[in-house]
Amino acid sequence: MMRRNRAKKLTEEEMKNKWAGRMATCWMLRRLWPMAIASVFLVSASAAGWWPGNEPIKLLVGSSPGDETDNLARALADQMSRRLRHPVVVENVVGANGVQAAQKVLAAEPDGQTLLFGGTSDMVAAPLSGPQAGYQPGDFTPIAKISSAPLVLVARPRLWGRAFNEAMATAKTRPQTLTIGATYERSLPSLAASAFLRATGVEMTLMPYRGSHSLLEDLSCGRVDLAVLTLPEVLRHARAGKVHVVGVMAPDRLAVAPEFPTLSETYPKWGVSMKAWLGLAGPPGLPKSVVARINQVANEVLSDPEFQAARREEGSTLETPMSSTDFGQFIESEVLSYGDIYTVVSRSARRSPRPRRCECGFRY
């Protein structure tokens, strides 16, 4: 009987100790629970790529919706949104060869909410061509270089081989008999067209277009004879036989399109390599922390194998990840290179459109 009572007493003491331990544990959890929740949120925010702003980040693009630059910007924005866990949207500000988009970014608050997805034409060529742009290449805050693509000289479908050589020979004796199109005036393709005319000694009518879609449509119909565009813009059309590639403005044939000759193969005097590049830039005074974060995320996207494969099929070459400082130095070198070309190239093209009946049967 004594043993049972003793055992019962010991059991009660154990139960008291057990409940005391539980109460102590509950007390500790109440004290430590807020700290644990806060640490979890901090770790999650760091891993997800926390962004200080509440509004979506806007990438301003100076091209029309649906063209190659816009498609690349949207693909990049989607990947950046996933890594930042913050929405990144594309806003098309079409007009003046991307100058309006660049001006809007330069006037924005330096908080990282408004960025420019621009390139050679709006960040370098436009300000170098004259004071009309109202800004200089050095006014931007460089963030990350994204891609590059060589310029390509293309011709209408029936103007190739012997017909092309005869047309060029005729144009030397009869100026302005051929037309050459380029997207916008004071753009990189327009500069390349003028450089080609100078190298060949041929005078043509330079026809500026407000987008690559309308230029390719007129070129495939035969309303314009030649055009200067980027490789991603003409790749599908050239492989489908809608346009003929005269030459790529690069020193060597391209790995993504080895069937296309270089322009130097046709015209040995052509020794200029002209590439159109695209990158991210911000307004002046952008904080270094914002620049570093966007640069980090953009470089992560550039290293994604699936993203690389998709861009390779389009004819674009993604850049090796570089720092924002290196991107700024690259822009400075581009300013020097194209500044020299601007001083050499003569304005031998007359800028007045000449209507023509379309070769595919439509009337304009």
Protein backbone atom coordinates (compact mmCIF):
# COMPACT_ATOMS: atom_id res chain seq x y z
CA MET A 1 0.00 0.00 0.00
CA MET A 2 2.83 2.35 0.89
CA ARG A 3 4.58 1.59 -2.37
CA ARG A 4 1.44 2.43 -4.38
CA ASN A 5 1.02 5.78 -2.63
CA ARG A 6 4.68 6.58 -3.15
CA ALA A 7 4.45 5.66 -6.79
CA LYS A 8 1.34 7.80 -7.08
CA LYS A 9 3.10 10.75 -5.45
CA LEU A 10 6.07 10.39 -7.74
CA THR A 11 3.75 10.37 -10.73
CA GLU A 12 2.07 13.56 -9.57
CA GLU A 13 5.44 15.28 -9.16
CA GLU A 14 6.45 14.19 -12.63
CA MET A 15 3.20 15.57 -13.98
CA LYS A 16 3.82 18.88 -12.25
CA ASN A 17 7.31 19.07 -13.72
CA LYS A 18 5.96 18.15 -17.12
CA TRP A 19 3.36 20.91 -17.05
CA ALA A 20 5.90 23.38 -15.75
CA GLY A 21 8.15 22.54 -18.70
CA ARG A 22 5.32 23.04 -21.12
CA MET A 23 4.43 26.42 -19.63
CA ALA A 24 8.06 27.51 -19.91
CA THR A 25 8.15 26.40 -23.53
CA CYS A 26 4.95 28.33 -24.33
CA TRP A 27 6.37 31.41 -22.66
CA MET A 28 9.55 31.20 -24.75
CA LEU A 29 7.56 30.70 -27.96
CA ARG A 30 5.47 33.76 -27.21
CA ARG A 31 8.62 35.80 -26.76
CA LEU A 32 10.53 34.39 -29.72
CA TRP A 33 7.68 33.94 -32.22
CA PRO A 34 7.66 37.54 -33.55
CA MET A 35 11.43 37.44 -33.97
CA ALA A 36 11.21 34.12 -35.84
CA ILE A 37 8.51 35.45 -38.17
CA ALA A 38 10.55 38.59 -38.88
CA SER A 39 13.67 36.58 -39.67
CA VAL A 40 11.71 34.33 -42.05
CA PHE A 41 10.38 37.35 -43.93
CA LEU A 42 13.83 38.88 -44.12
CA VAL A 43 15.36 35.68 -45.51
CA SER A 44 12.50 35.27 -47.98
CA ALA A 45 12.80 38.86 -49.10
CA SER A 46 16.53 38.53 -49.61
CA ALA A 47 16.20 35.29 -51.54
CA ALA A 48 13.32 36.56 -53.66
CA GLY A 49 15.04 39.80 -54.60
CA TRP A 50 13.27 42.44 -52.54
CA TRP A 51 12.49 45.72 -54.31
CA PRO A 52 11.91 48.94 -52.34
CA GLY A 53 9.18 50.44 -54.54
CA ASN A 54 5.48 49.59 -54.53
CA GLU A 55 4.67 50.49 -58.13
CA PRO A 56 5.67 48.27 -61.09
CA ILE A 57 9.04 48.95 -62.68
CA LYS A 58 8.50 50.39 -66.16
CA LEU A 59 10.80 49.58 -69.07
CA LEU A 60 10.31 52.27 -71.69
CA VAL A 61 10.82 51.04 -75.26
CA GLY A 62 10.97 53.40 -78.22
CA SER A 63 9.74 50.82 -80.74
CA SER A 64 6.31 49.62 -81.79
CA PRO A 65 4.60 46.71 -80.02
CA GLY A 66 5.35 43.39 -81.65
CA ASP A 67 8.67 44.16 -83.27
CA GLU A 68 11.93 42.46 -82.34
CA THR A 69 13.09 45.07 -79.80
CA ASP A 70 9.72 45.03 -78.08
CA ASN A 71 9.67 41.21 -77.98
CA LEU A 72 13.10 41.10 -76.37
CA ALA A 73 12.12 43.76 -73.84
CA ARG A 74 9.02 41.80 -72.83
CA ALA A 75 10.95 38.55 -72.49
CA LEU A 76 13.52 40.33 -70.32
CA ALA A 77 10.81 42.00 -68.22
CA ASP A 78 9.14 38.66 -67.56
CA GLN A 79 12.38 37.09 -66.36
CA MET A 80 13.24 40.10 -64.20
CA SER A 81 9.79 40.03 -62.60
CA ARG A 82 10.28 36.41 -61.55
CA ARG A 83 13.65 37.09 -59.99
CA LEU A 84 12.71 40.34 -58.26
CA ARG A 85 9.28 39.06 -57.20
CA HIS A 86 8.13 42.48 -58.32
CA PRO A 87 6.25 43.37 -61.53
CA VAL A 88 8.28 44.74 -64.42
CA VAL A 89 6.17 46.03 -67.32
CA VAL A 90 7.00 47.31 -70.80
CA GLU A 91 5.69 50.69 -71.95
CA ASN A 92 5.99 51.58 -75.63
CA VAL A 93 6.79 55.24 -76.25
CA VAL A 94 6.92 55.35 -80.03
CA GLY A 95 8.29 58.39 -81.82
CA ALA A 96 11.43 60.07 -83.11
CA ASN A 97 13.53 56.90 -83.23
CA GLY A 98 13.25 56.29 -79.50
CA VAL A 99 14.16 59.86 -78.57
CA GLN A 100 10.83 60.45 -76.85
CA ALA A 101 11.29 57.37 -74.67
CA ALA A 102 14.82 58.48 -73.79
CA GLN A 103 13.64 61.98 -72.90
CA LYS A 104 10.90 60.58 -70.68
CA VAL A 105 13.39 58.41 -68.77
CA LEU A 106 15.84 61.29 -68.32
CA ALA A 107 13.04 63.38 -66.82
CA ALA A 108 11.89 60.63 -64.43
CA GLU A 109 12.64 60.42 -60.71
CA PRO A 110 15.91 58.56 -60.00
CA ASP A 111 14.22 55.84 -57.93
CA GLY A 112 14.55 52.88 -60.30
CA GLN A 113 10.86 52.78 -61.19
CA THR A 114 11.39 54.08 -64.75
CA LEU A 115 14.15 52.59 -66.91
CA LEU A 116 15.06 52.75 -70.58
CA PHE A 117 15.43 49.69 -72.77
CA GLY A 118 17.42 51.53 -75.41
CA GLY A 119 20.39 51.08 -77.66
CA THR A 120 22.68 52.46 -80.30
CA SER A 121 20.13 54.56 -82.17
CA ASP A 122 18.49 56.44 -79.30
CA MET A 123 21.41 56.55 -76.85
CA VAL A 124 24.30 57.25 -79.26
CA ALA A 125 23.30 57.94 -82.87
CA ALA A 126 20.45 60.37 -82.18
CA PRO A 127 22.37 62.72 -79.86
CA LEU A 128 25.47 62.58 -82.09
CA SER A 129 23.53 63.56 -85.20
CA GLY A 130 22.56 66.97 -83.86
CA PRO A 131 21.02 68.96 -81.01
CA GLN A 132 17.48 67.86 -81.89
CA ALA A 133 17.53 65.06 -79.32
CA GLY A 134 18.15 67.48 -76.47
CA TYR A 135 20.46 65.16 -74.53
CA GLN A 136 23.90 63.55 -74.67
CA PRO A 137 24.93 59.89 -74.33
CA GLY A 138 26.58 60.66 -70.99
CA ASP A 139 23.32 61.87 -69.45
CA PHE A 140 22.09 58.31 -68.82
CA THR A 141 23.01 56.07 -65.92
CA PRO A 142 24.26 52.86 -67.56
CA ILE A 143 22.99 49.66 -65.93
CA ALA A 144 23.45 46.55 -68.08
CA LYS A 145 24.19 45.61 -71.67
CA ILE A 146 21.73 42.98 -72.90
CA SER A 147 22.22 42.02 -76.55
CA SER A 148 23.71 42.97 -79.90
CA ALA A 149 22.98 42.18 -83.52
CA PRO A 150 24.79 43.16 -86.73
CA LEU A 151 23.20 45.32 -89.37
CA VAL A 152 22.30 43.67 -92.66
CA LEU A 153 21.92 45.11 -96.17
CA VAL A 154 18.94 43.46 -97.84
CA ALA A 155 17.32 43.83 -101.27
CA ARG A 156 13.89 43.22 -102.74
CA PRO A 157 13.31 39.64 -103.93
CA ARG A 158 13.94 40.25 -107.66
CA LEU A 159 17.07 42.31 -107.07
CA TRP A 160 19.82 39.76 -106.56
CA GLY A 161 22.68 38.16 -108.46
CA ARG A 162 23.12 39.54 -111.95
CA ALA A 163 20.11 41.87 -111.59
CA PHE A 164 21.63 43.46 -108.49
CA ASN A 165 25.02 44.02 -110.15
CA GLU A 166 23.37 45.56 -113.20
CA ALA A 167 21.20 47.82 -111.06
CA MET A 168 24.21 49.05 -109.08
CA ALA A 169 26.15 49.68 -112.29
CA THR A 170 23.23 51.66 -113.69
CA ALA A 171 22.86 53.66 -110.49
CA LYS A 172 26.45 54.87 -110.78
CA THR A 173 25.70 56.52 -114.13
CA ARG A 174 22.10 57.46 -113.31
CA PRO A 175 21.92 58.77 -109.72
CA GLN A 176 18.77 58.38 -107.66
CA THR A 177 17.45 55.46 -109.74
CA LEU A 178 17.56 53.18 -106.68
CA THR A 179 16.02 53.67 -103.26
CA ILE A 180 17.35 52.52 -99.90
CA GLY A 181 15.24 52.41 -96.76
CA ALA A 182 16.15 52.72 -93.09
CA THR A 183 14.19 53.04 -89.89
CA TYR A 184 14.00 56.72 -88.99
CA GLU A 185 16.44 59.50 -89.72
CA ARG A 186 19.42 60.07 -87.42
CA SER A 187 19.44 56.37 -86.54
CA LEU A 188 22.16 53.74 -86.79
CA PRO A 189 20.61 52.06 -89.87
CA SER A 190 20.38 55.48 -91.54
CA LEU A 191 24.05 56.11 -90.77
CA ALA A 192 24.96 52.66 -92.12
CA ALA A 193 23.01 53.33 -95.33
CA SER A 194 24.90 56.58 -95.85
CA ALA A 195 28.20 54.82 -95.18
CA PHE A 196 27.33 52.14 -97.76
CA LEU A 197 26.54 54.79 -100.39
CA ARG A 198 29.85 56.49 -99.72
CA ALA A 199 31.79 53.21 -99.95
CA THR A 200 30.18 52.26 -103.28
CA GLY A 201 30.07 55.74 -104.80
CA VAL A 202 26.36 55.37 -105.62
CA GLU A 203 23.72 58.02 -105.05
CA MET A 204 20.33 56.71 -103.94
CA THR A 205 17.16 58.12 -102.46
CA LEU A 206 17.18 57.45 -98.72
CA MET A 207 13.66 56.69 -97.49
CA PRO A 208 13.14 56.86 -93.70
CA TYR A 209 10.49 54.57 -92.22
CA ARG A 210 8.82 54.70 -88.83
CA GLY A 211 9.31 51.01 -88.15
CA SER A 212 10.80 47.81 -89.46
CA HIS A 213 7.44 46.17 -90.23
CA SER A 214 6.40 48.76 -92.82
CA LEU A 215 9.89 48.81 -94.33
CA LEU A 216 9.99 45.03 -94.71
CA GLU A 217 6.52 45.05 -96.24
CA ASP A 218 7.53 47.61 -98.86
CA LEU A 219 10.82 45.81 -99.48
CA SER A 220 9.16 42.43 -100.05
CA CYS A 221 6.66 44.07 -102.40
CA GLY A 222 9.42 45.90 -104.29
CA ARG A 223 8.38 49.43 -103.44
CA VAL A 224 11.89 50.07 -102.10
CA ASP A 225 15.03 48.50 -103.59
CA LEU A 226 17.39 48.13 -100.60
CA ALA A 227 17.19 48.45 -96.85
CA VAL A 228 19.43 48.37 -93.79
CA LEU A 229 17.99 46.46 -90.84
CA THR A 230 19.21 44.30 -87.97
CA LEU A 231 19.61 40.55 -88.36
CA PRO A 232 16.71 39.63 -86.01
CA GLU A 233 14.41 41.85 -88.07
CA VAL A 234 15.21 40.18 -91.40
CA LEU A 235 16.15 36.60 -90.45
CA ARG A 236 12.74 34.97 -90.88
CA HIS A 237 11.94 36.96 -94.03
CA ALA A 238 15.30 36.16 -95.64
CA ARG A 239 15.03 32.44 -94.96
CA ALA A 240 11.49 32.47 -96.36
CA GLY A 241 12.71 34.10 -99.58
CA LYS A 242 10.77 37.33 -99.08
CA VAL A 243 13.94 39.45 -99.15
CA HIS A 244 17.50 38.86 -100.36
CA VAL A 245 20.51 39.37 -98.10
CA VAL A 246 23.23 41.32 -99.89
CA GLY A 247 25.65 41.23 -96.98
CA VAL A 248 26.05 41.34 -93.23
CA MET A 249 27.93 44.35 -91.89
CA ALA A 250 30.30 42.21 -89.84
CA PRO A 251 33.94 41.12 -90.37
CA ASP A 252 33.06 37.40 -90.51
CA ARG A 253 30.08 35.24 -91.29
CA LEU A 254 27.76 34.69 -88.38
CA ALA A 255 27.43 31.40 -86.53
CA VAL A 256 23.65 31.86 -86.25
CA ALA A 257 23.31 32.49 -90.02
CA PRO A 258 26.39 31.21 -91.87
CA GLU A 259 24.52 31.15 -95.18
CA PHE A 260 24.57 34.95 -95.38
CA PRO A 261 27.75 36.52 -96.85
CA THR A 262 29.46 39.51 -95.33
CA LEU A 263 29.24 42.82 -97.11
CA SER A 264 33.02 42.80 -97.47
CA GLU A 265 32.76 39.70 -99.67
CA THR A 266 30.74 41.70 -102.20
CA TYR A 267 32.41 45.07 -101.63
CA PRO A 268 36.00 44.70 -100.43
CA LYS A 269 36.14 48.45 -99.71
CA TRP A 270 33.60 47.96 -96.95
CA GLY A 271 35.66 47.55 -93.80
CA VAL A 272 33.25 48.78 -91.14
CA SER A 273 31.55 46.52 -88.60
CA MET A 274 28.23 47.98 -87.45
CA LYS A 275 26.22 46.39 -84.66
CA ALA A 276 23.05 47.50 -82.97
CA TRP A 277 23.12 46.82 -79.25
CA LEU A 278 20.44 47.06 -76.57
CA GLY A 279 20.76 47.68 -72.86
CA LEU A 280 19.20 49.03 -69.70
CA ALA A 281 19.78 52.60 -68.57
CA GLY A 282 18.25 54.95 -66.06
CA PRO A 283 17.92 58.66 -65.33
CA PRO A 284 20.86 60.62 -63.95
CA GLY A 285 21.45 60.29 -60.21
CA LEU A 286 20.18 56.72 -59.94
CA PRO A 287 21.35 55.25 -56.59
CA LYS A 288 24.23 52.79 -56.81
CA SER A 289 22.26 50.19 -54.84
CA VAL A 290 19.47 50.25 -57.43
CA VAL A 291 21.96 50.06 -60.30
CA ALA A 292 23.74 47.12 -58.68
CA ARG A 293 20.50 45.20 -58.05
CA ILE A 294 19.14 45.66 -61.60
CA ASN A 295 22.54 44.79 -63.05
CA GLN A 296 22.67 41.61 -60.94
CA VAL A 297 19.19 40.50 -62.01
CA ALA A 298 19.81 41.31 -65.69
CA ASN A 299 23.05 39.32 -65.67
CA GLU A 300 21.23 36.37 -64.09
CA VAL A 301 18.75 36.46 -66.98
CA LEU A 302 21.59 36.59 -69.52
CA SER A 303 23.07 33.44 -67.96
CA ASP A 304 19.81 31.49 -68.27
CA PRO A 305 20.27 28.69 -70.89
CA GLU A 306 16.63 28.75 -72.01
CA PHE A 307 16.69 32.52 -72.43
CA GLN A 308 19.91 32.23 -74.44
CA ALA A 309 18.48 29.55 -76.75
CA ALA A 310 15.35 31.58 -77.48
CA ARG A 311 17.33 34.69 -78.37
CA ARG A 312 19.74 32.68 -80.53
CA GLU A 313 16.85 31.45 -82.67
CA GLU A 314 15.82 35.06 -83.24
CA GLY A 315 19.30 36.02 -84.43
CA SER A 316 20.32 38.06 -81.38
CA THR A 317 23.56 37.59 -79.48
CA LEU A 318 23.27 37.94 -75.72
CA GLU A 319 26.17 39.75 -74.16
CA THR A 320 28.54 38.30 -71.60
CA PRO A 321 27.41 39.67 -68.22
CA MET A 322 29.26 42.88 -67.44
CA SER A 323 29.17 45.47 -64.69
CA SER A 324 27.44 48.80 -65.06
CA THR A 325 30.87 50.50 -65.08
CA ASP A 326 32.03 48.39 -68.01
CA PHE A 327 28.78 49.14 -69.84
CA GLY A 328 29.39 52.86 -69.34
CA GLN A 329 32.90 52.55 -70.75
CA PHE A 330 31.50 50.63 -73.72
CA ILE A 331 29.05 53.46 -74.46
CA GLU A 332 31.91 55.94 -74.37
CA SER A 333 33.83 53.87 -76.93
CA GLU A 334 30.73 53.72 -79.14
CA VAL A 335 30.44 57.51 -79.02
CA LEU A 336 34.02 57.85 -80.26
CA SER A 337 33.60 55.24 -83.02
CA TYR A 338 30.34 56.54 -84.45
CA GLY A 339 31.41 60.14 -83.96
CA ASP A 340 34.28 59.48 -86.37
CA ILE A 341 31.92 57.84 -88.86
CA TYR A 342 29.56 60.81 -88.72
CA THR A 343 32.38 63.18 -89.58
CA VAL A 344 33.46 61.05 -92.57
CA VAL A 345 30.13 60.05 -94.08
CA SER A 346 28.89 62.52 -96.66
CA ARG A 347 25.20 63.20 -97.06
CA SER A 348 24.95 61.76 -100.55
CA ALA A 349 21.38 60.50 -100.18
CA ARG A 350 18.40 62.66 -101.07
CA ARG A 351 15.66 62.25 -98.45
CA SER A 352 12.47 62.34 -100.51
CA PRO A 353 10.29 59.26 -101.01
CA ARG A 354 9.53 58.07 -104.52
CA PRO A 355 6.30 56.04 -104.85
CA ARG A 356 6.37 52.92 -106.95
CA ARG A 357 3.99 50.18 -108.04
CA CYS A 358 4.31 47.12 -105.83
CA GLU A 359 5.86 44.09 -107.53
CA CYS A 360 3.40 41.74 -105.83
CA GLY A 361 0.46 43.31 -107.68
CA PHE A 362 -0.96 45.75 -105.13
CA ARG A 363 -1.37 49.41 -105.93
CA TYR A 364 -0.50 52.21 -103.55
